[in-house]
Amino acid sequence: LLHFMVQQIHCVRKKVDSSDEKQHGGDEKEEGDDGSSSG
């Protein structure tokens, strides 16, 4: 029996839906000065 500690980043993300990416992939988006997409 081995006990150990693991230093990890506790960050759980909702996966990006590939179907949504494809659906909006052709849409043109205006980018702001910070690189974010308008809308």
PDB file of all heavy atoms in Angstrom:
ATOM      1  N   LEU A   1       0.850  -1.188   0.000  1.00  0.00           N
ATOM      2  CA  LEU A   1       0.000   0.000   0.000  1.00  0.00           C
ATOM      3  C   LEU A   1       0.889   1.244   0.000  1.00  0.00           C
ATOM      4  O   LEU A   1       1.691   1.443   0.916  1.00  0.00           O
ATOM      5  CB  LEU A   1      -0.901   0.012   1.233  1.00  0.00           C
ATOM      6  CG  LEU A   1      -1.985  -1.064   1.321  1.00  0.00           C
ATOM      7  CD1 LEU A   1      -2.728  -0.951   2.638  1.00  0.00           C
ATOM      8  CD2 LEU A   1      -2.950  -0.948   0.167  1.00  0.00           C
ATOM      9  N   LEU A   2       0.719   2.077  -1.022  1.00  0.00           N
ATOM     10  CA  LEU A   2       1.547   3.278  -1.170  1.00  0.00           C
ATOM     11  C   LEU A   2       0.670   4.520  -1.141  1.00  0.00           C
ATOM     12  O   LEU A   2      -0.291   4.631  -1.908  1.00  0.00           O
ATOM     13  CB  LEU A   2       2.326   3.224  -2.487  1.00  0.00           C
ATOM     14  CG  LEU A   2       3.243   4.415  -2.776  1.00  0.00           C
ATOM     15  CD1 LEU A   2       4.455   4.390  -1.849  1.00  0.00           C
ATOM     16  CD2 LEU A   2       3.691   4.413  -4.237  1.00  0.00           C
ATOM     17  N   HIS A   3       1.006   5.440  -0.238  1.00  0.00           N
ATOM     18  CA  HIS A   3       0.321   6.741  -0.199  1.00  0.00           C
ATOM     19  C   HIS A   3       1.244   7.797  -0.798  1.00  0.00           C
ATOM     20  O   HIS A   3       2.460   7.774  -0.577  1.00  0.00           O
ATOM     21  CB  HIS A   3      -0.035   7.131   1.238  1.00  0.00           C
ATOM     22  CG  HIS A   3      -0.519   8.548   1.345  1.00  0.00           C
ATOM     23  ND1 HIS A   3       0.311   9.594   1.690  1.00  0.00           N
ATOM     24  CD2 HIS A   3      -1.741   9.091   1.122  1.00  0.00           C
ATOM     25  CE1 HIS A   3      -0.387  10.722   1.684  1.00  0.00           C
ATOM     26  NE2 HIS A   3      -1.630  10.438   1.343  1.00  0.00           N
ATOM     27  N   PHE A   4       0.671   8.732  -1.558  1.00  0.00           N
ATOM     28  CA  PHE A   4       1.464   9.812  -2.124  1.00  0.00           C
ATOM     29  C   PHE A   4       0.571  11.021  -2.382  1.00  0.00           C
ATOM     30  O   PHE A   4      -0.660  10.917  -2.432  1.00  0.00           O
ATOM     31  CB  PHE A   4       2.158   9.371  -3.423  1.00  0.00           C
ATOM     32  CG  PHE A   4       1.214   8.932  -4.515  1.00  0.00           C
ATOM     33  CD1 PHE A   4       0.828   9.798  -5.528  1.00  0.00           C
ATOM     34  CD2 PHE A   4       0.718   7.637  -4.531  1.00  0.00           C
ATOM     35  CE1 PHE A   4      -0.040   9.390  -6.526  1.00  0.00           C
ATOM     36  CE2 PHE A   4      -0.163   7.216  -5.527  1.00  0.00           C
ATOM     37  CZ  PHE A   4      -0.533   8.089  -6.523  1.00  0.00           C
ATOM     38  N   MET A   5       1.207  12.171  -2.522  1.00  0.00           N
ATOM     39  CA  MET A   5       0.513  13.410  -2.820  1.00  0.00           C
ATOM     40  C   MET A   5       0.878  13.863  -4.228  1.00  0.00           C
ATOM     41  O   MET A   5       2.026  13.709  -4.660  1.00  0.00           O
ATOM     42  CB  MET A   5       0.903  14.508  -1.824  1.00  0.00           C
ATOM     43  CG  MET A   5       0.729  14.149  -0.360  1.00  0.00           C
ATOM     44  SD  MET A   5      -0.991  13.999   0.148  1.00  0.00           S
ATOM     45  CE  MET A   5      -1.499  15.733   0.119  1.00  0.00           C
ATOM     46  N   VAL A   6      -0.106  14.411  -4.931  1.00  0.00           N
ATOM     47  CA  VAL A   6       0.123  14.927  -6.278  1.00  0.00           C
ATOM     48  C   VAL A   6      -0.271  16.398  -6.306  1.00  0.00           C
ATOM     49  O   VAL A   6      -1.402  16.755  -5.972  1.00  0.00           O
ATOM     50  CB  VAL A   6      -0.693  14.160  -7.337  1.00  0.00           C
ATOM     51  CG1 VAL A   6      -0.412  14.721  -8.733  1.00  0.00           C
ATOM     52  CG2 VAL A   6      -0.355  12.675  -7.302  1.00  0.00           C
ATOM     53  N   GLN A   7       0.666  17.249  -6.686  1.00  0.00           N
ATOM     54  CA  GLN A   7       0.379  18.670  -6.828  1.00  0.00           C
ATOM     55  C   GLN A   7      -0.270  18.874  -8.191  1.00  0.00           C
ATOM     56  O   GLN A   7       0.348  18.645  -9.224  1.00  0.00           O
ATOM     57  CB  GLN A   7       1.665  19.477  -6.709  1.00  0.00           C
ATOM     58  CG  GLN A   7       1.460  20.977  -6.660  1.00  0.00           C
ATOM     59  CD  GLN A   7       2.773  21.722  -6.529  1.00  0.00           C
ATOM     60  OE1 GLN A   7       3.748  21.195  -5.992  1.00  0.00           O
ATOM     61  NE2 GLN A   7       2.818  22.943  -7.027  1.00  0.00           N
ATOM     62  N   GLN A   8      -1.540  19.280  -8.184  1.00  0.00           N
ATOM     63  CA  GLN A   8      -2.316  19.408  -9.416  1.00  0.00           C
ATOM     64  C   GLN A   8      -3.040  20.755  -9.465  1.00  0.00           C
ATOM     65  O   GLN A   8      -3.251  21.397  -8.439  1.00  0.00           O
ATOM     66  CB  GLN A   8      -3.377  18.304  -9.508  1.00  0.00           C
ATOM     67  CG  GLN A   8      -2.836  16.898  -9.586  1.00  0.00           C
ATOM     68  CD  GLN A   8      -3.934  15.861  -9.514  1.00  0.00           C
ATOM     69  OE1 GLN A   8      -3.886  14.951  -8.690  1.00  0.00           O
ATOM     70  NE2 GLN A   8      -4.944  15.978 -10.365  1.00  0.00           N
ATOM     71  N   ILE A   9      -3.421  21.143 -10.682  1.00  0.00           N
ATOM     72  CA  ILE A   9      -4.250  22.325 -10.876  1.00  0.00           C
ATOM     73  C   ILE A   9      -5.704  21.874 -10.887  1.00  0.00           C
ATOM     74  O   ILE A   9      -6.100  21.063 -11.731  1.00  0.00           O
ATOM     75  CB  ILE A   9      -3.902  23.045 -12.191  1.00  0.00           C
ATOM     76  CG1 ILE A   9      -2.433  23.492 -12.174  1.00  0.00           C
ATOM     77  CG2 ILE A   9      -4.828  24.232 -12.417  1.00  0.00           C
ATOM     78  CD1 ILE A   9      -1.958  24.081 -13.489  1.00  0.00           C
ATOM     79  N   HIS A  10      -6.472  22.386  -9.929  1.00  0.00           N
ATOM     80  CA  HIS A  10      -7.881  22.013  -9.846  1.00  0.00           C
ATOM     81  C   HIS A  10      -8.683  22.927 -10.775  1.00  0.00           C
ATOM     82  O   HIS A  10      -9.131  24.004 -10.395  1.00  0.00           O
ATOM     83  CB  HIS A  10      -8.395  22.138  -8.418  1.00  0.00           C
ATOM     84  CG  HIS A  10      -9.842  21.794  -8.267  1.00  0.00           C
ATOM     85  ND1 HIS A  10     -10.346  20.550  -8.566  1.00  0.00           N
ATOM     86  CD2 HIS A  10     -10.902  22.547  -7.861  1.00  0.00           C
ATOM     87  CE1 HIS A  10     -11.648  20.532  -8.344  1.00  0.00           C
ATOM     88  NE2 HIS A  10     -12.009  21.736  -7.931  1.00  0.00           N
ATOM     89  N   CYS A  11      -8.813  22.494 -12.012  1.00  0.00           N
ATOM     90  CA  CYS A  11      -9.512  23.282 -13.026  1.00  0.00           C
ATOM     91  C   CYS A  11     -10.257  22.325 -13.952  1.00  0.00           C
ATOM     92  O   CYS A  11      -9.640  21.573 -14.706  1.00  0.00           O
ATOM     93  CB  CYS A  11      -8.522  24.133 -13.812  1.00  0.00           C
ATOM     94  SG  CYS A  11      -9.289  25.222 -15.027  1.00  0.00           S
ATOM     95  N   VAL A  12     -11.575  22.338 -13.863  1.00  0.00           N
ATOM     96  CA  VAL A  12     -12.407  21.461 -14.685  1.00  0.00           C
ATOM     97  C   VAL A  12     -13.130  22.319 -15.716  1.00  0.00           C
ATOM     98  O   VAL A  12     -13.765  23.321 -15.370  1.00  0.00           O
ATOM     99  CB  VAL A  12     -13.439  20.700 -13.830  1.00  0.00           C
ATOM    100  CG1 VAL A  12     -14.286  19.783 -14.712  1.00  0.00           C
ATOM    101  CG2 VAL A  12     -12.744  19.906 -12.739  1.00  0.00           C
ATOM    102  N   ARG A  13     -12.993  21.951 -16.965  1.00  0.00           N
ATOM    103  CA  ARG A  13     -13.595  22.718 -18.061  1.00  0.00           C
ATOM    104  C   ARG A  13     -14.681  21.922 -18.780  1.00  0.00           C
ATOM    105  O   ARG A  13     -14.604  20.704 -18.876  1.00  0.00           O
ATOM    106  CB  ARG A  13     -12.527  23.129 -19.083  1.00  0.00           C
ATOM    107  CG  ARG A  13     -11.497  24.101 -18.552  1.00  0.00           C
ATOM    108  CD  ARG A  13     -10.485  24.454 -19.625  1.00  0.00           C
ATOM    109  NE  ARG A  13      -9.475  25.385 -19.146  1.00  0.00           N
ATOM    110  CZ  ARG A  13      -9.611  26.703 -19.163  1.00  0.00           C
ATOM    111  NH1 ARG A  13     -10.709  27.236 -19.667  1.00  0.00           N
ATOM    112  NH2 ARG A  13      -8.656  27.489 -18.709  1.00  0.00           N
ATOM    113  N   LYS A  14     -15.665  22.657 -19.261  1.00  0.00           N
ATOM    114  CA  LYS A  14     -16.677  22.067 -20.136  1.00  0.00           C
ATOM    115  C   LYS A  14     -16.083  21.976 -21.523  1.00  0.00           C
ATOM    116  O   LYS A  14     -15.573  22.972 -22.067  1.00  0.00           O
ATOM    117  CB  LYS A  14     -17.928  22.955 -20.171  1.00  0.00           C
ATOM    118  CG  LYS A  14     -19.149  22.315 -20.801  1.00  0.00           C
ATOM    119  CD  LYS A  14     -19.782  21.301 -19.878  1.00  0.00           C
ATOM    120  CE  LYS A  14     -21.114  20.794 -20.454  1.00  0.00           C
ATOM    121  NZ  LYS A  14     -21.732  19.775 -19.576  1.00  0.00           N
ATOM    122  N   LYS A  15     -16.086  20.801 -22.098  1.00  0.00           N
ATOM    123  CA  LYS A  15     -15.463  20.622 -23.400  1.00  0.00           C
ATOM    124  C   LYS A  15     -16.150  21.462 -24.469  1.00  0.00           C
ATOM    125  O   LYS A  15     -17.366  21.634 -24.457  1.00  0.00           O
ATOM    126  CB  LYS A  15     -15.505  19.145 -23.814  1.00  0.00           C
ATOM    127  CG  LYS A  15     -14.559  18.260 -23.035  1.00  0.00           C
ATOM    128  CD  LYS A  15     -14.591  16.840 -23.582  1.00  0.00           C
ATOM    129  CE  LYS A  15     -13.613  15.945 -22.845  1.00  0.00           C
ATOM    130  NZ  LYS A  15     -13.653  14.553 -23.347  1.00  0.00           N
ATOM    131  N   VAL A  16     -15.347  21.970 -25.394  1.00  0.00           N
ATOM    132  CA  VAL A  16     -15.882  22.726 -26.514  1.00  0.00           C
ATOM    133  C   VAL A  16     -16.611  21.766 -27.434  1.00  0.00           C
ATOM    134  O   VAL A  16     -16.080  20.719 -27.815  1.00  0.00           O
ATOM    135  CB  VAL A  16     -14.756  23.444 -27.282  1.00  0.00           C
ATOM    136  CG1 VAL A  16     -15.323  24.169 -28.496  1.00  0.00           C
ATOM    137  CG2 VAL A  16     -14.032  24.409 -26.375  1.00  0.00           C
ATOM    138  N   ASP A  17     -17.840  22.103 -27.781  1.00  0.00           N
ATOM    139  CA  ASP A  17     -18.652  21.258 -28.661  1.00  0.00           C
ATOM    140  C   ASP A  17     -18.187  21.460 -30.093  1.00  0.00           C
ATOM    141  O   ASP A  17     -18.295  22.545 -30.653  1.00  0.00           O
ATOM    142  CB  ASP A  17     -20.135  21.631 -28.526  1.00  0.00           C
ATOM    143  CG  ASP A  17     -21.045  20.612 -29.212  1.00  0.00           C
ATOM    144  OD1 ASP A  17     -20.590  19.966 -30.162  1.00  0.00           O
ATOM    145  OD2 ASP A  17     -22.209  20.473 -28.777  1.00  0.00           O
ATOM    146  N   SER A  18     -17.654  20.407 -30.691  1.00  0.00           N
ATOM    147  CA  SER A  18     -17.129  20.517 -32.054  1.00  0.00           C
ATOM    148  C   SER A  18     -18.203  20.887 -33.053  1.00  0.00           C
ATOM    149  O   SER A  18     -17.956  21.544 -34.051  1.00  0.00           O
ATOM    150  CB  SER A  18     -16.459  19.204 -32.469  1.00  0.00           C
ATOM    151  OG  SER A  18     -17.375  18.134 -32.403  1.00  0.00           O
ATOM    152  N   SER A  19     -19.449  20.476 -32.780  1.00  0.00           N
ATOM    153  CA  SER A  19     -20.539  20.807 -33.710  1.00  0.00           C
ATOM    154  C   SER A  19     -20.812  22.298 -33.715  1.00  0.00           C
ATOM    155  O   SER A  19     -21.101  22.901 -34.740  1.00  0.00           O
ATOM    156  CB  SER A  19     -21.818  20.052 -33.317  1.00  0.00           C
ATOM    157  OG  SER A  19     -22.253  20.423 -32.018  1.00  0.00           O
ATOM    158  N   ASP A  20     -20.664  22.936 -32.514  1.00  0.00           N
ATOM    159  CA  ASP A  20     -20.839  24.378 -32.439  1.00  0.00           C
ATOM    160  C   ASP A  20     -19.722  25.090 -33.180  1.00  0.00           C
ATOM    161  O   ASP A  20     -19.930  26.103 -33.841  1.00  0.00           O
ATOM    162  CB  ASP A  20     -20.839  24.845 -30.979  1.00  0.00           C
ATOM    163  CG  ASP A  20     -22.111  24.430 -30.248  1.00  0.00           C
ATOM    164  OD1 ASP A  20     -23.086  24.094 -30.950  1.00  0.00           O
ATOM    165  OD2 ASP A  20     -22.108  24.435 -28.997  1.00  0.00           O
ATOM    166  N   GLU A  21     -18.497  24.527 -33.054  1.00  0.00           N
ATOM    167  CA  GLU A  21     -17.364  25.130 -33.743  1.00  0.00           C
ATOM    168  C   GLU A  21     -17.575  25.112 -35.249  1.00  0.00           C
ATOM    169  O   GLU A  21     -17.319  26.079 -35.943  1.00  0.00           O
ATOM    170  CB  GLU A  21     -16.080  24.384 -33.387  1.00  0.00           C
ATOM    171  CG  GLU A  21     -15.592  24.646 -31.979  1.00  0.00           C
ATOM    172  CD  GLU A  21     -14.296  23.917 -31.704  1.00  0.00           C
ATOM    173  OE1 GLU A  21     -14.061  22.883 -32.378  1.00  0.00           O
ATOM    174  OE2 GLU A  21     -13.533  24.361 -30.845  1.00  0.00           O
ATOM    175  N   LYS A  22     -18.077  23.970 -35.753  1.00  0.00           N
ATOM    176  CA  LYS A  22     -18.305  23.846 -37.194  1.00  0.00           C
ATOM    177  C   LYS A  22     -19.420  24.779 -37.649  1.00  0.00           C
ATOM    178  O   LYS A  22     -19.381  25.380 -38.709  1.00  0.00           O
ATOM    179  CB  LYS A  22     -18.655  22.395 -37.535  1.00  0.00           C
ATOM    180  CG  LYS A  22     -17.489  21.440 -37.374  1.00  0.00           C
ATOM    181  CD  LYS A  22     -17.907  20.021 -37.701  1.00  0.00           C
ATOM    182  CE  LYS A  22     -16.742  19.055 -37.525  1.00  0.00           C
ATOM    183  NZ  LYS A  22     -17.136  17.654 -37.817  1.00  0.00           N
ATOM    184  N   GLN A  23     -20.472  24.892 -36.800  1.00  0.00           N
ATOM    185  CA  GLN A  23     -21.608  25.713 -37.157  1.00  0.00           C
ATOM    186  C   GLN A  23     -21.231  27.185 -37.277  1.00  0.00           C
ATOM    187  O   GLN A  23     -21.699  27.898 -38.152  1.00  0.00           O
ATOM    188  CB  GLN A  23     -22.709  25.552 -36.089  1.00  0.00           C
ATOM    189  CG  GLN A  23     -23.966  26.362 -36.394  1.00  0.00           C
ATOM    190  CD  GLN A  23     -25.027  26.127 -35.340  1.00  0.00           C
ATOM    191  OE1 GLN A  23     -24.910  25.234 -34.508  1.00  0.00           O
ATOM    192  NE2 GLN A  23     -26.071  26.935 -35.381  1.00  0.00           N
ATOM    193  N   HIS A  24     -20.338  27.636 -36.380  1.00  0.00           N
ATOM    194  CA  HIS A  24     -19.959  29.037 -36.374  1.00  0.00           C
ATOM    195  C   HIS A  24     -18.597  29.286 -37.008  1.00  0.00           C
ATOM    196  O   HIS A  24     -18.121  30.412 -37.011  1.00  0.00           O
ATOM    197  CB  HIS A  24     -19.925  29.557 -34.922  1.00  0.00           C
ATOM    198  CG  HIS A  24     -21.252  29.426 -34.229  1.00  0.00           C
ATOM    199  ND1 HIS A  24     -22.361  30.142 -34.609  1.00  0.00           N
ATOM    200  CD2 HIS A  24     -21.643  28.632 -33.185  1.00  0.00           C
ATOM    201  CE1 HIS A  24     -23.390  29.825 -33.823  1.00  0.00           C
ATOM    202  NE2 HIS A  24     -22.974  28.903 -32.960  1.00  0.00           N
ATOM    203  N   GLY A  25     -18.013  28.219 -37.533  1.00  0.00           N
ATOM    204  CA  GLY A  25     -16.644  28.333 -38.043  1.00  0.00           C
ATOM    205  C   GLY A  25     -16.532  29.297 -39.209  1.00  0.00           C
ATOM    206  O   GLY A  25     -15.514  29.965 -39.401  1.00  0.00           O
ATOM    207  N   GLY A  26     -17.599  29.394 -40.034  1.00  0.00           N
ATOM    208  CA  GLY A  26     -17.521  30.259 -41.207  1.00  0.00           C
ATOM    209  C   GLY A  26     -17.925  31.683 -40.935  1.00  0.00           C
ATOM    210  O   GLY A  26     -17.828  32.549 -41.807  1.00  0.00           O
ATOM    211  N   ASP A  27     -18.442  31.949 -39.741  1.00  0.00           N
ATOM    212  CA  ASP A  27     -18.897  33.295 -39.416  1.00  0.00           C
ATOM    213  C   ASP A  27     -17.717  34.224 -39.214  1.00  0.00           C
ATOM    214  O   ASP A  27     -16.766  33.886 -38.519  1.00  0.00           O
ATOM    215  CB  ASP A  27     -19.739  33.288 -38.131  1.00  0.00           C
ATOM    216  CG  ASP A  27     -21.009  32.471 -38.318  1.00  0.00           C
ATOM    217  OD1 ASP A  27     -21.362  32.209 -39.479  1.00  0.00           O
ATOM    218  OD2 ASP A  27     -21.619  32.097 -37.285  1.00  0.00           O
ATOM    219  N   GLU A  28     -17.785  35.385 -39.797  1.00  0.00           N
ATOM    220  CA  GLU A  28     -16.731  36.364 -39.599  1.00  0.00           C
ATOM    221  C   GLU A  28     -16.999  37.135 -38.322  1.00  0.00           C
ATOM    222  O   GLU A  28     -18.121  37.535 -38.035  1.00  0.00           O
ATOM    223  CB  GLU A  28     -16.674  37.338 -40.781  1.00  0.00           C
ATOM    224  CG  GLU A  28     -16.218  36.674 -42.073  1.00  0.00           C
ATOM    225  CD  GLU A  28     -16.055  37.691 -43.183  1.00  0.00           C
ATOM    226  OE1 GLU A  28     -16.267  38.893 -42.904  1.00  0.00           O
ATOM    227  OE2 GLU A  28     -15.737  37.302 -44.304  1.00  0.00           O
ATOM    228  N   LYS A  29     -15.975  37.342 -37.520  1.00  0.00           N
ATOM    229  CA  LYS A  29     -16.121  38.056 -36.259  1.00  0.00           C
ATOM    230  C   LYS A  29     -15.141  39.218 -36.226  1.00  0.00           C
ATOM    231  O   LYS A  29     -13.991  39.074 -36.640  1.00  0.00           O
ATOM    232  CB  LYS A  29     -15.834  37.116 -35.065  1.00  0.00           C
ATOM    233  CG  LYS A  29     -16.773  35.931 -35.001  1.00  0.00           C
ATOM    234  CD  LYS A  29     -16.417  35.045 -33.816  1.00  0.00           C
ATOM    235  CE  LYS A  29     -17.314  33.821 -33.741  1.00  0.00           C
ATOM    236  NZ  LYS A  29     -16.964  32.942 -32.601  1.00  0.00           N
ATOM    237  N   GLU A  30     -15.634  40.328 -35.728  1.00  0.00           N
ATOM    238  CA  GLU A  30     -14.754  41.466 -35.572  1.00  0.00           C
ATOM    239  C   GLU A  30     -13.966  41.313 -34.279  1.00  0.00           C
ATOM    240  O   GLU A  30     -14.519  40.956 -33.260  1.00  0.00           O
ATOM    241  CB  GLU A  30     -15.573  42.763 -35.515  1.00  0.00           C
ATOM    242  CG  GLU A  30     -16.318  43.050 -36.813  1.00  0.00           C
ATOM    243  CD  GLU A  30     -17.081  44.357 -36.722  1.00  0.00           C
ATOM    244  OE1 GLU A  30     -16.872  45.066 -35.707  1.00  0.00           O
ATOM    245  OE2 GLU A  30     -17.855  44.665 -37.627  1.00  0.00           O
ATOM    246  N   GLU A  31     -12.698  41.581 -34.358  1.00  0.00           N
ATOM    247  CA  GLU A  31     -11.853  41.452 -33.191  1.00  0.00           C
ATOM    248  C   GLU A  31     -11.588  42.815 -32.573  1.00  0.00           C
ATOM    249  O   GLU A  31     -11.348  43.795 -33.274  1.00  0.00           O
ATOM    250  CB  GLU A  31     -10.507  40.797 -33.551  1.00  0.00           C
ATOM    251  CG  GLU A  31     -10.653  39.334 -33.915  1.00  0.00           C
ATOM    252  CD  GLU A  31      -9.295  38.669 -34.030  1.00  0.00           C
ATOM    253  OE1 GLU A  31      -8.287  39.393 -33.948  1.00  0.00           O
ATOM    254  OE2 GLU A  31      -9.225  37.444 -34.205  1.00  0.00           O
ATOM    255  N   GLY A  32     -11.624  42.860 -31.260  1.00  0.00           N
ATOM    256  CA  GLY A  32     -11.314  44.086 -30.551  1.00  0.00           C
ATOM    257  C   GLY A  32      -9.819  44.238 -30.399  1.00  0.00           C
ATOM    258  O   GLY A  32      -9.037  43.401 -30.842  1.00  0.00           O
ATOM    259  N   ASP A  33      -9.431  45.324 -29.757  1.00  0.00           N
ATOM    260  CA  ASP A  33      -8.004  45.579 -29.568  1.00  0.00           C
ATOM    261  C   ASP A  33      -7.334  44.517 -28.716  1.00  0.00           C
ATOM    262  O   ASP A  33      -6.135  44.282 -28.823  1.00  0.00           O
ATOM    263  CB  ASP A  33      -7.799  46.954 -28.917  1.00  0.00           C
ATOM    264  CG  ASP A  33      -8.236  48.077 -29.846  1.00  0.00           C
ATOM    265  OD1 ASP A  33      -8.257  47.839 -31.069  1.00  0.00           O
ATOM    266  OD2 ASP A  33      -8.560  49.174 -29.336  1.00  0.00           O
ATOM    267  N   ASP A  34      -8.122  43.841 -27.832  1.00  0.00           N
ATOM    268  CA  ASP A  34      -7.534  42.831 -26.944  1.00  0.00           C
ATOM    269  C   ASP A  34      -7.551  41.446 -27.550  1.00  0.00           C
ATOM    270  O   ASP A  34      -7.190  40.468 -26.911  1.00  0.00           O
ATOM    271  CB  ASP A  34      -8.286  42.809 -25.602  1.00  0.00           C
ATOM    272  CG  ASP A  34      -9.764  42.474 -25.784  1.00  0.00           C
ATOM    273  OD1 ASP A  34     -10.209  42.379 -26.960  1.00  0.00           O
ATOM    274  OD2 ASP A  34     -10.469  42.308 -24.764  1.00  0.00           O
ATOM    275  N   GLY A  35      -7.994  41.338 -28.818  1.00  0.00           N
ATOM    276  CA  GLY A  35      -7.996  40.037 -29.485  1.00  0.00           C
ATOM    277  C   GLY A  35      -9.264  39.261 -29.276  1.00  0.00           C
ATOM    278  O   GLY A  35      -9.436  38.186 -29.842  1.00  0.00           O
ATOM    279  N   SER A  36     -10.209  39.790 -28.475  1.00  0.00           N
ATOM    280  CA  SER A  36     -11.465  39.085 -28.252  1.00  0.00           C
ATOM    281  C   SER A  36     -12.413  39.358 -29.398  1.00  0.00           C
ATOM    282  O   SER A  36     -12.319  40.374 -30.093  1.00  0.00           O
ATOM    283  CB  SER A  36     -12.093  39.541 -26.923  1.00  0.00           C
ATOM    284  OG  SER A  36     -12.368  40.908 -26.977  1.00  0.00           O
ATOM    285  N   SER A  37     -13.363  38.440 -29.591  1.00  0.00           N
ATOM    286  CA  SER A  37     -14.309  38.587 -30.678  1.00  0.00           C
ATOM    287  C   SER A  37     -15.510  39.374 -30.209  1.00  0.00           C
ATOM    288  O   SER A  37     -16.031  39.130 -29.120  1.00  0.00           O
ATOM    289  CB  SER A  37     -14.769  37.200 -31.166  1.00  0.00           C
ATOM    290  OG  SER A  37     -13.667  36.448 -31.602  1.00  0.00           O
ATOM    291  N   SER A  38     -15.961  40.308 -31.048  1.00  0.00           N
ATOM    292  CA  SER A  38     -17.150  41.065 -30.695  1.00  0.00           C
ATOM    293  C   SER A  38     -18.352  40.141 -30.750  1.00  0.00           C
ATOM    294  O   SER A  38     -18.427  39.223 -31.559  1.00  0.00           O
ATOM    295  CB  SER A  38     -17.332  42.235 -31.669  1.00  0.00           C
ATOM    296  OG  SER A  38     -17.490  41.764 -32.998  1.00  0.00           O
ATOM    297  N   GLY A  39     -19.320  40.351 -29.883  1.00  0.00           N
ATOM    298  CA  GLY A  39     -20.494  39.499 -29.839  1.00  0.00           C
ATOM    299  C   GLY A  39     -20.299  38.290 -28.971  1.00  0.00           C
ATOM    300  O   GLY A  39     -21.181  37.456 -28.861  1.00  0.00           O
TER     301      GLY A  39
END
